[in-house]
Structures are given as structure tokens and as C-alpha cells.
Amino acid sequence: SGGEPLLRPDLRALSSFAVSKGLRTVLSTNGTAIGE
């Protein structure tokens, strides 16, 4: 979550790392930065 988590540059890499360790990851966002 945030702030707006999509403004953190390493967000996707950190989620991938968490998933590789067995964590389930979810995202709370305002949605405005989900571009194409």
C-alpha cells in the first residue's frame, strides 16, 4: 500500500521476490497509474 505503491520503482521486483519466498501479495492502489 502507500501512498501510491505504483510510484515505488522496485514494486514489481519486490512482489516477485515475495512470491518466490511463498508469500501471497496483494496491491492497494488508487488505480490512476495503471497505464497500458
Full PDB file with SEQRES, HELIX, SHEET, SSBOND, CRYST1, ORIGX, SCALE, CONECT and MASTER records, all heavy atoms in Angstrom:
SEQRES   1 A   36  SER GLY GLY GLU PRO LEU LEU ARG PRO ASP LEU ARG ALA          
SEQRES   2 A   36  LEU SER SER PHE ALA VAL SER LYS GLY LEU ARG THR VAL          
SEQRES   3 A   36  LEU SER THR ASN GLY THR ALA ILE GLY GLU                      
HELIX    1 AA1 PRO A    5  LEU A    7  5                                   3    
HELIX    2 AA2 LEU A   11  SER A   20  1                                  10    
CRYST1    1.000    1.000    1.000  90.00  90.00  90.00 P 1           1          
ORIGX1      1.000000  0.000000  0.000000        0.00000                         
ORIGX2      0.000000  1.000000  0.000000        0.00000                         
ORIGX3      0.000000  0.000000  1.000000        0.00000                         
SCALE1      1.000000  0.000000  0.000000        0.00000                         
SCALE2      0.000000  1.000000  0.000000        0.00000                         
SCALE3      0.000000  0.000000  1.000000        0.00000                         
ATOM      1  N   SER A   1       0.852  -1.178   0.000  1.00  0.00           N  
ATOM      2  CA  SER A   1       0.000   0.000   0.000  1.00  0.00           C  
ATOM      3  C   SER A   1       0.890   1.231   0.000  1.00  0.00           C  
ATOM      4  O   SER A   1       2.093   1.142  -0.230  1.00  0.00           O  
ATOM      5  CB  SER A   1      -0.936  -0.042   1.227  1.00  0.00           C  
ATOM      6  OG  SER A   1      -1.866   1.018   1.185  1.00  0.00           O  
ATOM      7  N   GLY A   2       0.319   2.400   0.251  1.00  0.00           N  
ATOM      8  CA  GLY A   2       1.113   3.614   0.207  1.00  0.00           C  
ATOM      9  C   GLY A   2       0.614   4.650   1.197  1.00  0.00           C  
ATOM     10  O   GLY A   2       0.072   4.289   2.248  1.00  0.00           O  
ATOM     11  N   GLY A   3       0.663   5.943   0.762  1.00  0.00           N  
ATOM     12  CA  GLY A   3       0.958   6.469  -0.551  1.00  0.00           C  
ATOM     13  C   GLY A   3       0.357   5.686  -1.702  1.00  0.00           C  
ATOM     14  O   GLY A   3      -0.584   4.946  -1.581  1.00  0.00           O  
ATOM     15  N   GLU A   4       0.959   5.882  -2.838  1.00  0.00           N  
ATOM     16  CA  GLU A   4       0.587   5.131  -4.032  1.00  0.00           C  
ATOM     17  C   GLU A   4       1.732   4.176  -4.359  1.00  0.00           C  
ATOM     18  O   GLU A   4       2.796   4.602  -4.833  1.00  0.00           O  
ATOM     19  CB  GLU A   4       0.320   6.074  -5.210  1.00  0.00           C  
ATOM     20  CG  GLU A   4       0.095   5.380  -6.543  1.00  0.00           C  
ATOM     21  CD  GLU A   4      -0.863   4.183  -6.438  1.00  0.00           C  
ATOM     22  OE1 GLU A   4      -2.008   4.368  -5.963  1.00  0.00           O  
ATOM     23  OE2 GLU A   4      -0.452   3.068  -6.819  1.00  0.00           O  
ATOM     24  N   PRO A   5       1.547   2.880  -4.108  1.00  0.00           N  
ATOM     25  CA  PRO A   5       2.656   1.928  -4.258  1.00  0.00           C  
ATOM     26  C   PRO A   5       3.216   1.850  -5.672  1.00  0.00           C  
ATOM     27  O   PRO A   5       4.390   1.514  -5.848  1.00  0.00           O  
ATOM     28  CB  PRO A   5       2.036   0.599  -3.819  1.00  0.00           C  
ATOM     29  CG  PRO A   5       0.559   0.794  -3.905  1.00  0.00           C  
ATOM     30  CD  PRO A   5       0.325   2.231  -3.616  1.00  0.00           C  
ATOM     31  N   LEU A   6       2.407   2.158  -6.677  1.00  0.00           N  
ATOM     32  CA  LEU A   6       2.912   2.091  -8.049  1.00  0.00           C  
ATOM     33  C   LEU A   6       3.955   3.171  -8.349  1.00  0.00           C  
ATOM     34  O   LEU A   6       4.613   3.116  -9.394  1.00  0.00           O  
ATOM     35  CB  LEU A   6       1.751   2.200  -9.040  1.00  0.00           C  
ATOM     36  CG  LEU A   6       0.878   0.942  -9.122  1.00  0.00           C  
ATOM     37  CD1 LEU A   6      -0.406   1.216  -9.881  1.00  0.00           C  
ATOM     38  CD2 LEU A   6       1.638  -0.205  -9.751  1.00  0.00           C  
ATOM     39  N   LEU A   7       4.125   4.107  -7.438  1.00  0.00           N  
ATOM     40  CA  LEU A   7       5.168   5.121  -7.608  1.00  0.00           C  
ATOM     41  C   LEU A   7       6.510   4.663  -7.032  1.00  0.00           C  
ATOM     42  O   LEU A   7       7.501   5.399  -7.118  1.00  0.00           O  
ATOM     43  CB  LEU A   7       4.742   6.438  -6.950  1.00  0.00           C  
ATOM     44  CG  LEU A   7       3.474   7.078  -7.523  1.00  0.00           C  
ATOM     45  CD1 LEU A   7       3.195   8.421  -6.859  1.00  0.00           C  
ATOM     46  CD2 LEU A   7       3.577   7.247  -9.038  1.00  0.00           C  
ATOM     47  N   ARG A   8       6.540   3.466  -6.469  1.00  0.00           N  
ATOM     48  CA  ARG A   8       7.801   2.905  -5.999  1.00  0.00           C  
ATOM     49  C   ARG A   8       8.406   2.085  -7.134  1.00  0.00           C  
ATOM     50  O   ARG A   8       7.837   1.074  -7.565  1.00  0.00           O  
ATOM     51  CB  ARG A   8       7.579   2.040  -4.757  1.00  0.00           C  
ATOM     52  CG  ARG A   8       8.868   1.483  -4.224  1.00  0.00           C  
ATOM     53  CD  ARG A   8       8.761   0.849  -2.863  1.00  0.00           C  
ATOM     54  NE  ARG A   8      10.053   0.213  -2.580  1.00  0.00           N  
ATOM     55  CZ  ARG A   8      10.786   0.403  -1.494  1.00  0.00           C  
ATOM     56  NH1 ARG A   8      10.352   1.214  -0.538  1.00  0.00           N  
ATOM     57  NH2 ARG A   8      11.947  -0.214  -1.338  1.00  0.00           N  
ATOM     58  N   PRO A   9       9.592   2.449  -7.644  1.00  0.00           N  
ATOM     59  CA  PRO A   9      10.129   1.800  -8.856  1.00  0.00           C  
ATOM     60  C   PRO A   9      10.364   0.307  -8.742  1.00  0.00           C  
ATOM     61  O   PRO A   9      10.265  -0.422  -9.742  1.00  0.00           O  
ATOM     62  CB  PRO A   9      11.450   2.562  -9.094  1.00  0.00           C  
ATOM     63  CG  PRO A   9      11.272   3.879  -8.404  1.00  0.00           C  
ATOM     64  CD  PRO A   9      10.425   3.585  -7.209  1.00  0.00           C  
ATOM     65  N   ASP A  10      10.696  -0.178  -7.539  1.00  0.00           N  
ATOM     66  CA  ASP A  10      11.015  -1.602  -7.394  1.00  0.00           C  
ATOM     67  C   ASP A  10       9.812  -2.434  -6.946  1.00  0.00           C  
ATOM     68  O   ASP A  10       9.971  -3.590  -6.531  1.00  0.00           O  
ATOM     69  CB  ASP A  10      12.174  -1.796  -6.416  1.00  0.00           C  
ATOM     70  CG  ASP A  10      11.895  -1.207  -5.040  1.00  0.00           C  
ATOM     71  OD1 ASP A  10      10.814  -0.609  -4.850  1.00  0.00           O  
ATOM     72  OD2 ASP A  10      12.768  -1.325  -4.147  1.00  0.00           O  
ATOM     73  N   LEU A  11       8.603  -1.883  -7.040  1.00  0.00           N  
ATOM     74  CA  LEU A  11       7.404  -2.576  -6.555  1.00  0.00           C  
ATOM     75  C   LEU A  11       7.256  -3.964  -7.159  1.00  0.00           C  
ATOM     76  O   LEU A  11       7.086  -4.963  -6.446  1.00  0.00           O  
ATOM     77  CB  LEU A  11       6.156  -1.739  -6.865  1.00  0.00           C  
ATOM     78  CG  LEU A  11       4.814  -2.434  -6.606  1.00  0.00           C  
ATOM     79  CD1 LEU A  11       4.567  -2.579  -5.111  1.00  0.00           C  
ATOM     80  CD2 LEU A  11       3.678  -1.691  -7.290  1.00  0.00           C  
ATOM     81  N   ARG A  12       7.317  -4.062  -8.483  1.00  0.00           N  
ATOM     82  CA  ARG A  12       7.072  -5.344  -9.143  1.00  0.00           C  
ATOM     83  C   ARG A  12       8.172  -6.351  -8.803  1.00  0.00           C  
ATOM     84  O   ARG A  12       7.904  -7.535  -8.582  1.00  0.00           O  
ATOM     85  CB  ARG A  12       6.941  -5.141 -10.648  1.00  0.00           C  
ATOM     86  CG  ARG A  12       5.630  -4.421 -11.029  1.00  0.00           C  
ATOM     87  CD  ARG A  12       5.597  -3.981 -12.474  1.00  0.00           C  
ATOM     88  NE  ARG A  12       6.598  -2.960 -12.757  1.00  0.00           N  
ATOM     89  CZ  ARG A  12       6.479  -1.666 -12.438  1.00  0.00           C  
ATOM     90  NH1 ARG A  12       5.391  -1.241 -11.813  1.00  0.00           N  
ATOM     91  NH2 ARG A  12       7.423  -0.799 -12.712  1.00  0.00           N  
ATOM     92  N   ALA A  13       9.412  -5.880  -8.740  1.00  0.00           N  
ATOM     93  CA  ALA A  13      10.515  -6.783  -8.382  1.00  0.00           C  
ATOM     94  C   ALA A  13      10.344  -7.300  -6.957  1.00  0.00           C  
ATOM     95  O   ALA A  13      10.609  -8.479  -6.683  1.00  0.00           O  
ATOM     96  CB  ALA A  13      11.857  -6.064  -8.535  1.00  0.00           C  
ATOM     97  N   LEU A  14       9.883  -6.445  -6.051  1.00  0.00           N  
ATOM     98  CA  LEU A  14       9.694  -6.869  -4.664  1.00  0.00           C  
ATOM     99  C   LEU A  14       8.532  -7.844  -4.539  1.00  0.00           C  
ATOM    100  O   LEU A  14       8.592  -8.793  -3.747  1.00  0.00           O  
ATOM    101  CB  LEU A  14       9.481  -5.651  -3.765  1.00  0.00           C  
ATOM    102  CG  LEU A  14      10.723  -4.778  -3.543  1.00  0.00           C  
ATOM    103  CD1 LEU A  14      10.353  -3.523  -2.769  1.00  0.00           C  
ATOM    104  CD2 LEU A  14      11.822  -5.553  -2.812  1.00  0.00           C  
ATOM    105  N   SER A  15       7.481  -7.643  -5.314  1.00  0.00           N  
ATOM    106  CA  SER A  15       6.384  -8.607  -5.303  1.00  0.00           C  
ATOM    107  C   SER A  15       6.860  -9.960  -5.831  1.00  0.00           C  
ATOM    108  O   SER A  15       6.568 -11.005  -5.231  1.00  0.00           O  
ATOM    109  CB  SER A  15       5.211  -8.103  -6.143  1.00  0.00           C  
ATOM    110  OG  SER A  15       4.202  -9.084  -6.228  1.00  0.00           O  
ATOM    111  N   SER A  16       7.579  -9.958  -6.924  1.00  0.00           N  
ATOM    112  CA  SER A  16       8.092 -11.218  -7.476  1.00  0.00           C  
ATOM    113  C   SER A  16       8.971 -11.939  -6.458  1.00  0.00           C  
ATOM    114  O   SER A  16       8.887 -13.167  -6.290  1.00  0.00           O  
ATOM    115  CB  SER A  16       8.898 -10.947  -8.746  1.00  0.00           C  
ATOM    116  OG  SER A  16       8.081 -10.433  -9.768  1.00  0.00           O  
ATOM    117  N   PHE A  17       9.798 -11.183  -5.758  1.00  0.00           N  
ATOM    118  CA  PHE A  17      10.671 -11.766  -4.742  1.00  0.00           C  
ATOM    119  C   PHE A  17       9.837 -12.358  -3.604  1.00  0.00           C  
ATOM    120  O   PHE A  17      10.101 -13.479  -3.136  1.00  0.00           O  
ATOM    121  CB  PHE A  17      11.629 -10.702  -4.209  1.00  0.00           C  
ATOM    122  CG  PHE A  17      12.560 -11.203  -3.145  1.00  0.00           C  
ATOM    123  CD1 PHE A  17      13.595 -12.064  -3.452  1.00  0.00           C  
ATOM    124  CD2 PHE A  17      12.395 -10.810  -1.826  1.00  0.00           C  
ATOM    125  CE1 PHE A  17      14.458 -12.535  -2.468  1.00  0.00           C  
ATOM    126  CE2 PHE A  17      13.247 -11.272  -0.832  1.00  0.00           C  
ATOM    127  CZ  PHE A  17      14.284 -12.136  -1.156  1.00  0.00           C  
ATOM    128  N   ALA A  18       8.820 -11.625  -3.159  1.00  0.00           N  
ATOM    129  CA  ALA A  18       7.964 -12.116  -2.070  1.00  0.00           C  
ATOM    130  C   ALA A  18       7.253 -13.404  -2.479  1.00  0.00           C  
ATOM    131  O   ALA A  18       7.174 -14.359  -1.700  1.00  0.00           O  
ATOM    132  CB  ALA A  18       6.953 -11.042  -1.678  1.00  0.00           C  
ATOM    133  N   VAL A  19       6.748 -13.436  -3.700  1.00  0.00           N  
ATOM    134  CA  VAL A  19       6.049 -14.632  -4.180  1.00  0.00           C  
ATOM    135  C   VAL A  19       7.011 -15.814  -4.241  1.00  0.00           C  
ATOM    136  O   VAL A  19       6.655 -16.948  -3.894  1.00  0.00           O  
ATOM    137  CB  VAL A  19       5.396 -14.355  -5.547  1.00  0.00           C  
ATOM    138  CG1 VAL A  19       4.860 -15.644  -6.168  1.00  0.00           C  
ATOM    139  CG2 VAL A  19       4.278 -13.326  -5.407  1.00  0.00           C  
ATOM    140  N   SER A  20       8.254 -15.551  -4.644  1.00  0.00           N  
ATOM    141  CA  SER A  20       9.244 -16.636  -4.721  1.00  0.00           C  
ATOM    142  C   SER A  20       9.563 -17.216  -3.341  1.00  0.00           C  
ATOM    143  O   SER A  20      10.021 -18.351  -3.231  1.00  0.00           O  
ATOM    144  CB  SER A  20      10.537 -16.135  -5.381  1.00  0.00           C  
ATOM    145  OG  SER A  20      11.302 -15.330  -4.482  1.00  0.00           O  
ATOM    146  N   LYS A  21       9.290 -16.427  -2.294  1.00  0.00           N  
ATOM    147  CA  LYS A  21       9.520 -16.880  -0.925  1.00  0.00           C  
ATOM    148  C   LYS A  21       8.275 -17.501  -0.302  1.00  0.00           C  
ATOM    149  O   LYS A  21       8.295 -17.871   0.885  1.00  0.00           O  
ATOM    150  CB  LYS A  21      10.005 -15.712  -0.067  1.00  0.00           C  
ATOM    151  CG  LYS A  21      11.350 -15.136  -0.499  1.00  0.00           C  
ATOM    152  CD  LYS A  21      12.461 -16.162  -0.343  1.00  0.00           C  
ATOM    153  CE  LYS A  21      13.806 -15.617  -0.796  1.00  0.00           C  
ATOM    154  NZ  LYS A  21      14.893 -16.614  -0.623  1.00  0.00           N  
ATOM    155  N   GLY A  22       7.188 -17.573  -1.063  1.00  0.00           N  
ATOM    156  CA  GLY A  22       5.975 -18.221  -0.569  1.00  0.00           C  
ATOM    157  C   GLY A  22       4.907 -17.300  -0.039  1.00  0.00           C  
ATOM    158  O   GLY A  22       3.879 -17.763   0.470  1.00  0.00           O  
ATOM    159  N   LEU A  23       5.110 -16.001  -0.131  1.00  0.00           N  
ATOM    160  CA  LEU A  23       4.100 -15.039   0.311  1.00  0.00           C  
ATOM    161  C   LEU A  23       3.070 -14.810  -0.790  1.00  0.00           C  
ATOM    162  O   LEU A  23       3.392 -14.857  -1.987  1.00  0.00           O  
ATOM    163  CB  LEU A  23       4.742 -13.696   0.655  1.00  0.00           C  
ATOM    164  CG  LEU A  23       5.514 -13.613   1.977  1.00  0.00           C  
ATOM    165  CD1 LEU A  23       6.402 -12.372   1.982  1.00  0.00           C  
ATOM    166  CD2 LEU A  23       4.558 -13.572   3.150  1.00  0.00           C  
ATOM    167  N   ARG A  24       1.828 -14.560  -0.398  1.00  0.00           N  
ATOM    168  CA  ARG A  24       0.822 -14.074  -1.337  1.00  0.00           C  
ATOM    169  C   ARG A  24       0.854 -12.562  -1.287  1.00  0.00           C  
ATOM    170  O   ARG A  24       0.805 -11.972  -0.205  1.00  0.00           O  
ATOM    171  CB  ARG A  24      -0.568 -14.601  -0.977  1.00  0.00           C  
ATOM    172  CG  ARG A  24      -1.636 -14.177  -1.981  1.00  0.00           C  
ATOM    173  CD  ARG A  24      -2.887 -15.046  -1.853  1.00  0.00           C  
ATOM    174  NE  ARG A  24      -3.676 -14.759  -0.681  1.00  0.00           N  
ATOM    175  CZ  ARG A  24      -4.650 -13.846  -0.632  1.00  0.00           C  
ATOM    176  NH1 ARG A  24      -4.928 -13.102  -1.697  1.00  0.00           N  
ATOM    177  NH2 ARG A  24      -5.346 -13.682   0.470  1.00  0.00           N  
ATOM    178  N   THR A  25       0.935 -11.917  -2.438  1.00  0.00           N  
ATOM    179  CA  THR A  25       1.000 -10.453  -2.479  1.00  0.00           C  
ATOM    180  C   THR A  25      -0.272  -9.886  -3.084  1.00  0.00           C  
ATOM    181  O   THR A  25      -0.825 -10.423  -4.052  1.00  0.00           O  
ATOM    182  CB  THR A  25       2.211  -9.959  -3.295  1.00  0.00           C  
ATOM    183  OG1 THR A  25       2.108 -10.401  -4.657  1.00  0.00           O  
ATOM    184  CG2 THR A  25       3.511 -10.453  -2.694  1.00  0.00           C  
ATOM    185  N   VAL A  26      -0.734  -8.807  -2.466  1.00  0.00           N  
ATOM    186  CA  VAL A  26      -1.899  -8.079  -2.955  1.00  0.00           C  
ATOM    187  C   VAL A  26      -1.546  -6.596  -2.988  1.00  0.00           C  
ATOM    188  O   VAL A  26      -0.611  -6.148  -2.313  1.00  0.00           O  
ATOM    189  CB  VAL A  26      -3.151  -8.340  -2.092  1.00  0.00           C  
ATOM    190  CG1 VAL A  26      -3.530  -9.803  -2.115  1.00  0.00           C  
ATOM    191  CG2 VAL A  26      -2.941  -7.871  -0.661  1.00  0.00           C  
ATOM    192  N   LEU A  27      -2.306  -5.850  -3.755  1.00  0.00           N  
ATOM    193  CA  LEU A  27      -1.983  -4.443  -4.010  1.00  0.00           C  
ATOM    194  C   LEU A  27      -3.181  -3.565  -3.691  1.00  0.00           C  
ATOM    195  O   LEU A  27      -4.307  -3.856  -4.100  1.00  0.00           O  
ATOM    196  CB  LEU A  27      -1.582  -4.268  -5.482  1.00  0.00           C  
ATOM    197  CG  LEU A  27      -1.197  -2.861  -5.943  1.00  0.00           C  
ATOM    198  CD1 LEU A  27       0.108  -2.411  -5.279  1.00  0.00           C  
ATOM    199  CD2 LEU A  27      -1.040  -2.831  -7.468  1.00  0.00           C  
ATOM    200  N   SER A  28      -2.933  -2.480  -2.962  1.00  0.00           N  
ATOM    201  CA  SER A  28      -3.942  -1.456  -2.703  1.00  0.00           C  
ATOM    202  C   SER A  28      -3.483  -0.178  -3.390  1.00  0.00           C  
ATOM    203  O   SER A  28      -2.419   0.366  -3.059  1.00  0.00           O  
ATOM    204  CB  SER A  28      -4.106  -1.223  -1.203  1.00  0.00           C  
ATOM    205  OG  SER A  28      -5.001  -0.162  -0.948  1.00  0.00           O  
ATOM    206  N   THR A  29      -4.276   0.314  -4.336  1.00  0.00           N  
ATOM    207  CA  THR A  29      -3.852   1.400  -5.200  1.00  0.00           C  
ATOM    208  C   THR A  29      -5.014   2.335  -5.502  1.00  0.00           C  
ATOM    209  O   THR A  29      -6.173   1.943  -5.388  1.00  0.00           O  
ATOM    210  CB  THR A  29      -3.273   0.840  -6.523  1.00  0.00           C  
ATOM    211  OG1 THR A  29      -3.022   1.913  -7.452  1.00  0.00           O  
ATOM    212  CG2 THR A  29      -4.241  -0.138  -7.183  1.00  0.00           C  
ATOM    213  N   ASN A  30      -4.674   3.573  -5.887  1.00  0.00           N  
ATOM    214  CA  ASN A  30      -5.739   4.472  -6.347  1.00  0.00           C  
ATOM    215  C   ASN A  30      -6.087   4.241  -7.811  1.00  0.00           C  
ATOM    216  O   ASN A  30      -7.031   4.841  -8.331  1.00  0.00           O  
ATOM    217  CB  ASN A  30      -5.389   5.941  -6.072  1.00  0.00           C  
ATOM    218  CG  ASN A  30      -4.185   6.448  -6.840  1.00  0.00           C  
ATOM    219  OD1 ASN A  30      -4.002   6.163  -8.027  1.00  0.00           O  
ATOM    220  ND2 ASN A  30      -3.337   7.241  -6.178  1.00  0.00           N  
ATOM    221  N   GLY A  31      -5.326   3.395  -8.470  1.00  0.00           N  
ATOM    222  CA  GLY A  31      -5.669   2.962  -9.816  1.00  0.00           C  
ATOM    223  C   GLY A  31      -5.271   3.887 -10.942  1.00  0.00           C  
ATOM    224  O   GLY A  31      -5.274   3.478 -12.109  1.00  0.00           O  
ATOM    225  N   THR A  32      -4.901   5.123 -10.628  1.00  0.00           N  
ATOM    226  CA  THR A  32      -4.677   6.099 -11.692  1.00  0.00           C  
ATOM    227  C   THR A  32      -3.381   5.854 -12.452  1.00  0.00           C  
ATOM    228  O   THR A  32      -3.217   6.359 -13.571  1.00  0.00           O  
ATOM    229  CB  THR A  32      -4.655   7.523 -11.117  1.00  0.00           C  
ATOM    230  OG1 THR A  32      -3.569   7.646 -10.186  1.00  0.00           O  
ATOM    231  CG2 THR A  32      -5.967   7.856 -10.420  1.00  0.00           C  
ATOM    232  N   ALA A  33      -2.452   5.110 -11.852  1.00  0.00           N  
ATOM    233  CA  ALA A  33      -1.159   4.876 -12.502  1.00  0.00           C  
ATOM    234  C   ALA A  33      -1.107   3.539 -13.242  1.00  0.00           C  
ATOM    235  O   ALA A  33      -0.037   3.125 -13.694  1.00  0.00           O  
ATOM    236  CB  ALA A  33      -0.035   4.949 -11.466  1.00  0.00           C  
ATOM    237  N   ILE A  34      -2.250   2.865 -13.377  1.00  0.00           N  
ATOM    238  CA  ILE A  34      -2.272   1.588 -14.100  1.00  0.00           C  
ATOM    239  C   ILE A  34      -2.501   1.896 -15.580  1.00  0.00           C  
ATOM    240  O   ILE A  34      -3.614   1.860 -16.094  1.00  0.00           O  
ATOM    241  CB  ILE A  34      -3.360   0.646 -13.545  1.00  0.00           C  
ATOM    242  CG1 ILE A  34      -3.146   0.428 -12.049  1.00  0.00           C  
ATOM    243  CG2 ILE A  34      -3.320  -0.701 -14.273  1.00  0.00           C  
ATOM    244  CD1 ILE A  34      -4.224  -0.408 -11.387  1.00  0.00           C  
ATOM    245  N   GLY A  35      -1.413   2.230 -16.259  1.00  0.00           N  
ATOM    246  CA  GLY A  35      -1.492   2.569 -17.672  1.00  0.00           C  
ATOM    247  C   GLY A  35      -1.441   1.332 -18.545  1.00  0.00           C  
ATOM    248  O   GLY A  35      -1.475   0.190 -18.073  1.00  0.00           O  
ATOM    249  N   GLU A  36      -1.341   1.566 -19.843  1.00  0.00           N  
ATOM    250  CA  GLU A  36      -1.251   0.462 -20.802  1.00  0.00           C  
ATOM    251  C   GLU A  36      -0.034  -0.400 -20.475  1.00  0.00           C  
ATOM    252  O   GLU A  36       1.075   0.088 -20.308  1.00  0.00           O  
ATOM    253  CB  GLU A  36      -1.120   1.016 -22.229  1.00  0.00           C  
ATOM    254  CG  GLU A  36      -2.343   1.765 -22.724  1.00  0.00           C  
ATOM    255  CD  GLU A  36      -3.547   0.858 -22.931  1.00  0.00           C  
ATOM    256  OE1 GLU A  36      -3.346  -0.387 -23.013  1.00  0.00           O  
ATOM    257  OE2 GLU A  36      -4.674   1.382 -23.000  1.00  0.00           O  
TER     258      GLU A  36                                                      
MASTER        0    0    0    2    0    0    0    6  257    1    0    3          
END                                                                             
